[in-house]
Amino acid sequence: MPPRVHEFAWPDRVVVGTIGLPGARTFYLQVRAGKQVVSVALEKQQAALLAEKIDEILDELFTVEGNPFSVPTATPVELVDNDQLDSVQELFRTGAMSLGWDPTTAQVVLEAHPYTEVDADDDDEPLDADAAGELEMLLVRMPVGTARAFAKRTREIVAAGRPLCPLCGYPMDAGGHTCTLPEV
């Protein structure tokens, strides 16, 4: 059975946000078009890498002779979105993600696929296509300004977690932190 694709060609909103306190936050990629809202959980590292790669794509496109796609170098003020997530109903936990560029629509294309576990003990048996197939996937197309705003907000959300210890570089908990420095 083919996966059910939740596709957003020109979303009203696409953001990364969190629920919970620093150190115990759950990150969500949330997309809204009209009344349709889809939220998928993702790891902090996935969110950070997503923002980094979107900026890399946009920065590379900006350097193209004549900038035919009108890629902004900074986040357009009118696209800044600091609002909380809409009501979250998790569709799936994200596993694989892909990112691309569609020059025909001048949009960054993001695909999020559910996390799946494959039993390592059954390496010799062929995978059942129906059992291994994903049931859902998220496909989002973002115009360049929206993509730039998405990356900026995502970097800010990721950075808003626990402060890093200046000695060991690991996150510090609110209840205290014990670090072990490398021996000199």
Protein backbone atom coordinates (compact mmCIF):
# COMPACT_ATOMS: atom_id res chain seq x y z
CA MET A 1 0.00 0.00 0.00
CA PRO A 2 1.46 3.40 -0.93
CA PRO A 3 2.06 5.87 1.88
CA ARG A 4 -0.48 8.57 2.65
CA VAL A 5 1.22 11.82 1.67
CA HIS A 6 0.41 14.95 3.66
CA GLU A 7 1.40 17.54 1.07
CA PHE A 8 1.60 21.29 1.62
CA ALA A 9 2.43 23.17 -1.58
CA TRP A 10 2.06 26.75 -0.22
CA PRO A 11 1.64 26.42 3.57
CA ASP A 12 0.24 29.24 5.67
CA ARG A 13 2.72 28.28 8.38
CA VAL A 14 5.70 25.95 8.72
CA VAL A 15 7.69 26.02 11.96
CA VAL A 16 9.69 23.99 14.42
CA GLY A 17 8.56 24.35 18.01
CA THR A 18 8.82 22.50 21.29
CA ILE A 19 6.71 21.24 24.13
CA GLY A 20 8.26 20.78 27.56
CA LEU A 21 11.04 22.28 29.62
CA PRO A 22 14.68 22.51 28.49
CA GLY A 23 16.29 19.12 28.99
CA ALA A 24 12.96 17.36 28.45
CA ARG A 25 11.65 19.12 25.34
CA THR A 26 9.99 17.37 22.43
CA PHE A 27 10.63 19.04 19.08
CA TYR A 28 7.89 19.22 16.44
CA LEU A 29 7.82 20.21 12.81
CA GLN A 30 4.37 21.70 12.30
CA VAL A 31 2.73 22.71 9.05
CA ARG A 32 -0.61 24.43 8.56
CA ALA A 33 -2.68 25.28 5.49
CA GLY A 34 -6.16 26.56 6.25
CA LYS A 35 -7.62 24.27 8.92
CA GLN A 36 -5.28 21.36 8.13
CA VAL A 37 -2.47 21.07 10.70
CA VAL A 38 0.14 18.30 10.70
CA SER A 39 2.73 17.86 13.46
CA VAL A 40 5.60 15.38 13.35
CA ALA A 41 8.10 14.84 16.16
CA LEU A 42 11.80 15.12 15.42
CA GLU A 43 15.07 15.13 17.30
CA LYS A 44 16.82 18.35 18.29
CA GLN A 45 19.77 17.41 16.09
CA GLN A 46 17.45 16.86 13.11
CA ALA A 47 15.95 20.32 13.62
CA ALA A 48 19.38 21.95 13.87
CA LEU A 49 20.67 20.17 10.75
CA LEU A 50 17.50 21.03 8.84
CA ALA A 51 17.97 24.76 9.55
CA GLU A 52 21.65 24.57 8.62
CA LYS A 53 20.99 22.80 5.31
CA ILE A 54 18.12 25.11 4.32
CA ASP A 55 20.40 28.11 4.87
CA GLU A 56 23.13 26.41 2.81
CA ILE A 57 20.72 25.85 -0.09
CA LEU A 58 19.48 29.44 0.04
CA ASP A 59 22.99 30.89 0.41
CA GLU A 60 24.15 28.89 -2.61
CA LEU A 61 21.16 30.03 -4.67
CA PHE A 62 21.83 33.64 -3.66
CA THR A 63 25.27 33.46 -5.27
CA VAL A 64 23.81 32.41 -8.65
CA GLU A 65 24.46 35.10 -11.26
CA GLY A 66 21.62 37.62 -11.11
CA ASN A 67 19.86 35.76 -8.23
CA PRO A 68 16.98 34.68 -10.52
CA PHE A 69 14.97 33.32 -7.58
CA SER A 70 15.04 36.52 -5.47
CA VAL A 71 16.55 34.68 -2.51
CA PRO A 72 16.70 36.96 0.53
CA THR A 73 19.98 37.15 2.45
CA ALA A 74 18.12 37.69 5.73
CA THR A 75 14.72 36.77 7.11
CA PRO A 76 11.97 39.03 5.76
CA VAL A 77 10.48 40.85 8.77
CA GLU A 78 6.90 40.12 7.70
CA LEU A 79 7.62 36.37 7.79
CA VAL A 80 8.97 36.24 11.36
CA ASP A 81 6.83 33.77 13.35
CA ASN A 82 7.40 33.67 17.11
CA ASP A 83 4.01 32.20 18.00
CA GLN A 84 3.58 28.98 19.95
CA LEU A 85 2.75 25.75 18.15
CA ASP A 86 -0.89 25.18 17.30
CA SER A 87 -2.52 22.29 19.12
CA VAL A 88 -0.21 19.30 18.62
CA GLN A 89 -1.43 15.88 17.62
CA GLU A 90 1.68 13.91 16.67
CA LEU A 91 1.30 12.14 13.32
CA PHE A 92 4.60 10.24 13.58
CA ARG A 93 8.19 10.46 14.84
CA THR A 94 10.48 11.50 12.01
CA GLY A 95 13.21 9.16 10.82
CA ALA A 96 14.65 9.95 7.40
CA MET A 97 14.33 13.44 5.97
CA SER A 98 15.26 14.82 2.59
CA LEU A 99 15.70 18.35 1.40
CA GLY A 100 15.77 19.67 -2.14
CA TRP A 101 15.15 22.61 -4.44
CA ASP A 102 12.43 22.94 -7.08
CA PRO A 103 13.52 25.62 -9.58
CA THR A 104 10.16 25.53 -11.37
CA THR A 105 8.36 26.95 -8.31
CA ALA A 106 11.38 28.49 -6.51
CA GLN A 107 10.65 26.44 -3.40
CA VAL A 108 12.66 24.42 -0.90
CA VAL A 109 11.17 20.92 -0.76
CA LEU A 110 11.20 19.00 2.53
CA GLU A 111 10.19 15.36 2.95
CA ALA A 112 9.81 13.75 6.38
CA HIS A 113 9.38 10.00 6.68
CA PRO A 114 8.43 8.08 9.81
CA TYR A 115 11.03 6.39 11.94
CA THR A 116 10.93 2.64 11.36
CA GLU A 117 12.73 -0.14 13.18
CA VAL A 118 13.98 -3.10 11.21
CA ASP A 119 14.65 -6.21 13.24
CA ALA A 120 18.42 -6.80 12.98
CA ASP A 121 18.00 -10.53 13.71
CA ASP A 122 16.11 -11.11 10.47
CA ASP A 123 18.88 -9.97 8.10
CA ASP A 124 18.60 -13.14 6.01
CA GLU A 125 14.88 -12.84 5.37
CA PRO A 126 13.58 -10.50 2.66
CA LEU A 127 11.51 -7.59 3.92
CA ASP A 128 7.78 -7.76 3.34
CA ALA A 129 7.06 -4.65 1.27
CA ASP A 130 3.74 -4.02 3.04
CA ALA A 131 5.17 -4.54 6.53
CA ALA A 132 8.26 -2.41 5.90
CA GLY A 133 6.44 0.31 3.97
CA GLU A 134 5.63 3.56 5.69
CA LEU A 135 2.01 4.53 6.17
CA GLU A 136 2.49 8.30 6.23
CA MET A 137 4.89 10.94 4.95
CA LEU A 138 5.03 14.72 5.06
CA LEU A 139 5.88 16.76 1.96
CA VAL A 140 6.31 20.52 2.37
CA ARG A 141 7.17 23.09 -0.29
CA MET A 142 8.40 26.42 1.12
CA PRO A 143 8.96 29.64 -0.82
CA VAL A 144 12.43 31.12 -0.28
CA GLY A 145 11.35 33.80 2.22
CA THR A 146 9.38 31.28 4.26
CA ALA A 147 12.33 28.89 4.19
CA ARG A 148 14.68 31.62 5.43
CA ALA A 149 12.25 32.46 8.28
CA PHE A 150 11.84 28.75 9.09
CA ALA A 151 15.63 28.30 9.39
CA LYS A 152 16.02 31.38 11.61
CA ARG A 153 13.26 30.35 14.01
CA THR A 154 14.53 26.76 14.13
CA ARG A 155 18.05 27.90 15.09
CA GLU A 156 16.56 30.07 17.86
CA ILE A 157 14.38 27.21 19.18
CA VAL A 158 17.35 24.83 19.24
CA ALA A 159 19.55 27.40 21.02
CA ALA A 160 16.88 28.09 23.66
CA GLY A 161 17.64 24.87 25.51
CA ARG A 162 19.85 24.28 28.52
CA PRO A 163 22.99 26.42 28.72
CA LEU A 164 26.29 24.71 27.93
CA CYS A 165 28.95 24.25 30.60
CA PRO A 166 31.91 26.52 29.80
CA LEU A 167 34.31 23.81 31.03
CA CYS A 168 33.10 20.58 29.43
CA GLY A 169 30.66 21.84 26.79
CA TYR A 170 27.79 19.56 27.86
CA PRO A 171 24.32 20.90 28.74
CA MET A 172 23.83 21.94 32.36
CA ASP A 173 20.72 20.80 34.22
CA ALA A 174 18.73 23.25 36.34
CA GLY A 175 19.40 21.08 39.40
CA GLY A 176 23.16 21.30 39.02
CA HIS A 177 25.96 19.98 36.86
CA THR A 178 28.99 17.88 37.54
CA CYS A 179 31.52 17.74 34.77
CA THR A 180 34.71 15.86 34.43
CA LEU A 181 37.47 17.68 32.71
CA PRO A 182 39.89 15.70 30.58
CA GLU A 183 43.14 14.94 32.33
CA VAL A 184 46.04 17.14 31.30
